[in-house]
């Protein structure tokens, strides 16, 4: 199969579900990590308004795709805005 873990599934549909979950988990992890990296870059260069709008957009996309909760997205945006204060 090409995966590094052992399948305990007995049905083809459950094997497919395992593959789908693995793919989605990796995709969500990548999106979240790249957003965190963008936030760190923004906090280093606090005067960059373009980077700020990119980060806010990334956070909104994460909450829209249910990778993070809506309230967490709101908290993150609030903290960033408070730290930067253009």
C-alpha atoms as a PDB file:
ATOM      1  CA  UNK A   1       0.000   0.000   0.000  1.00  0.00           C
ATOM      2  CA  UNK A   2       2.898   2.390   0.545  1.00  0.00           C
ATOM      3  CA  UNK A   3       1.938   3.542   4.034  1.00  0.00           C
ATOM      4  CA  UNK A   4       4.025   3.207   7.171  1.00  0.00           C
ATOM      5  CA  UNK A   5       1.330   1.785   9.408  1.00  0.00           C
ATOM      6  CA  UNK A   6      -0.567  -1.461   9.736  1.00  0.00           C
ATOM      7  CA  UNK A   7      -4.208  -1.715   8.653  1.00  0.00           C
ATOM      8  CA  UNK A   8      -6.631  -3.424  11.013  1.00  0.00           C
ATOM      9  CA  UNK A   9      -9.550  -3.002   8.623  1.00  0.00           C
ATOM     10  CA  UNK A  10     -11.462  -5.970   7.219  1.00  0.00           C
ATOM     11  CA  UNK A  11     -13.497  -4.211   4.526  1.00  0.00           C
ATOM     12  CA  UNK A  12     -12.399  -2.352   1.433  1.00  0.00           C
ATOM     13  CA  UNK A  13     -14.511   0.654   2.378  1.00  0.00           C
ATOM     14  CA  UNK A  14     -12.790   0.937   5.757  1.00  0.00           C
ATOM     15  CA  UNK A  15      -9.375   0.638   4.078  1.00  0.00           C
ATOM     16  CA  UNK A  16     -10.374   3.481   1.782  1.00  0.00           C
ATOM     17  CA  UNK A  17     -11.541   5.509   4.776  1.00  0.00           C
ATOM     18  CA  UNK A  18      -8.149   4.991   6.455  1.00  0.00           C
ATOM     19  CA  UNK A  19      -6.366   6.201   3.308  1.00  0.00           C
ATOM     20  CA  UNK A  20      -8.645   9.234   3.052  1.00  0.00           C
ATOM     21  CA  UNK A  21      -8.153  10.130   6.711  1.00  0.00           C
ATOM     22  CA  UNK A  22      -4.387   9.875   6.334  1.00  0.00           C
ATOM     23  CA  UNK A  23      -4.377  12.154   3.281  1.00  0.00           C
ATOM     24  CA  UNK A  24      -6.682  14.696   4.922  1.00  0.00           C
ATOM     25  CA  UNK A  25      -4.675  14.661   8.149  1.00  0.00           C
ATOM     26  CA  UNK A  26      -1.490  15.470   6.226  1.00  0.00           C
ATOM     27  CA  UNK A  27      -3.220  18.218   4.242  1.00  0.00           C
ATOM     28  CA  UNK A  28      -4.669  19.809   7.393  1.00  0.00           C
ATOM     29  CA  UNK A  29      -1.330  19.558   9.183  1.00  0.00           C
ATOM     30  CA  UNK A  30       0.448  21.290   6.297  1.00  0.00           C
ATOM     31  CA  UNK A  31      -2.116  24.111   6.178  1.00  0.00           C
ATOM     32  CA  UNK A  32      -1.919  24.674   9.939  1.00  0.00           C
ATOM     33  CA  UNK A  33       1.895  24.562  10.043  1.00  0.00           C
ATOM     34  CA  UNK A  34       2.259  26.961   7.122  1.00  0.00           C
ATOM     35  CA  UNK A  35      -0.129  29.386   8.841  1.00  0.00           C
ATOM     36  CA  UNK A  36       1.859  29.203  12.082  1.00  0.00           C
ATOM     37  CA  UNK A  37       5.066  29.882  10.134  1.00  0.00           C
ATOM     38  CA  UNK A  38       3.444  32.893   8.453  1.00  0.00           C
ATOM     39  CA  UNK A  39       2.368  34.201  11.872  1.00  0.00           C
ATOM     40  CA  UNK A  40       5.942  33.898  13.169  1.00  0.00           C
ATOM     41  CA  UNK A  41       7.268  35.774  10.122  1.00  0.00           C
ATOM     42  CA  UNK A  42       4.684  38.493  10.697  1.00  0.00           C
ATOM     43  CA  UNK A  43       5.652  38.893  14.345  1.00  0.00           C
ATOM     44  CA  UNK A  44       9.301  39.329  13.330  1.00  0.00           C
ATOM     45  CA  UNK A  45       8.469  42.001  10.729  1.00  0.00           C
ATOM     46  CA  UNK A  46       5.666  43.891  12.487  1.00  0.00           C
ATOM     47  CA  UNK A  47       5.363  46.730   9.958  1.00  0.00           C
ATOM     48  CA  UNK A  48       4.405  44.526   7.002  1.00  0.00           C
ATOM     49  CA  UNK A  49       0.705  45.191   6.329  1.00  0.00           C
ATOM     50  CA  UNK A  50       0.637  42.956   3.261  1.00  0.00           C
ATOM     51  CA  UNK A  51       1.866  39.976   5.315  1.00  0.00           C
ATOM     52  CA  UNK A  52      -0.788  40.822   7.923  1.00  0.00           C
ATOM     53  CA  UNK A  53      -3.604  40.573   5.373  1.00  0.00           C
ATOM     54  CA  UNK A  54      -2.171  37.295   4.049  1.00  0.00           C
ATOM     55  CA  UNK A  55      -2.062  35.807   7.558  1.00  0.00           C
ATOM     56  CA  UNK A  56      -5.615  36.913   8.348  1.00  0.00           C
ATOM     57  CA  UNK A  57      -6.763  35.335   5.093  1.00  0.00           C
ATOM     58  CA  UNK A  58      -4.956  32.086   5.943  1.00  0.00           C
ATOM     59  CA  UNK A  59      -6.586  31.981   9.386  1.00  0.00           C
ATOM     60  CA  UNK A  60     -10.022  32.558   7.855  1.00  0.00           C
ATOM     61  CA  UNK A  61      -9.446  29.730   5.373  1.00  0.00           C
ATOM     62  CA  UNK A  62      -8.452  27.372   8.206  1.00  0.00           C
ATOM     63  CA  UNK A  63     -11.660  28.117  10.081  1.00  0.00           C
ATOM     64  CA  UNK A  64     -13.743  27.846   6.904  1.00  0.00           C
ATOM     65  CA  UNK A  65     -12.314  24.373   6.224  1.00  0.00           C
ATOM     66  CA  UNK A  66     -12.899  23.353   9.885  1.00  0.00           C
ATOM     67  CA  UNK A  67      -9.195  22.797  10.512  1.00  0.00           C
ATOM     68  CA  UNK A  68      -9.432  25.153  13.483  1.00  0.00           C
ATOM     69  CA  UNK A  69     -12.527  26.268  15.353  1.00  0.00           C
ATOM     70  CA  UNK A  70     -14.156  29.586  14.472  1.00  0.00           C
ATOM     71  CA  UNK A  71     -13.556  30.934  17.976  1.00  0.00           C
ATOM     72  CA  UNK A  72      -9.872  29.997  17.851  1.00  0.00           C
ATOM     73  CA  UNK A  73      -9.545  31.831  14.536  1.00  0.00           C
ATOM     74  CA  UNK A  74     -11.180  34.854  16.096  1.00  0.00           C
ATOM     75  CA  UNK A  75      -8.812  34.707  19.084  1.00  0.00           C
ATOM     76  CA  UNK A  76      -5.756  34.411  16.833  1.00  0.00           C
ATOM     77  CA  UNK A  77      -6.804  37.405  14.747  1.00  0.00           C
ATOM     78  CA  UNK A  78      -7.531  39.440  17.866  1.00  0.00           C
ATOM     79  CA  UNK A  79      -4.130  38.628  19.404  1.00  0.00           C
ATOM     80  CA  UNK A  80      -2.301  39.480  16.186  1.00  0.00           C
ATOM     81  CA  UNK A  81      -4.128  42.778  15.804  1.00  0.00           C
ATOM     82  CA  UNK A  82      -3.397  43.651  19.422  1.00  0.00           C
ATOM     83  CA  UNK A  83       0.315  42.825  19.079  1.00  0.00           C
ATOM     84  CA  UNK A  84       0.783  44.766  15.845  1.00  0.00           C
ATOM     85  CA  UNK A  85      -1.345  47.927  16.189  1.00  0.00           C
ATOM     86  CA  UNK A  86      -0.444  49.612  12.906  1.00  0.00           C
END
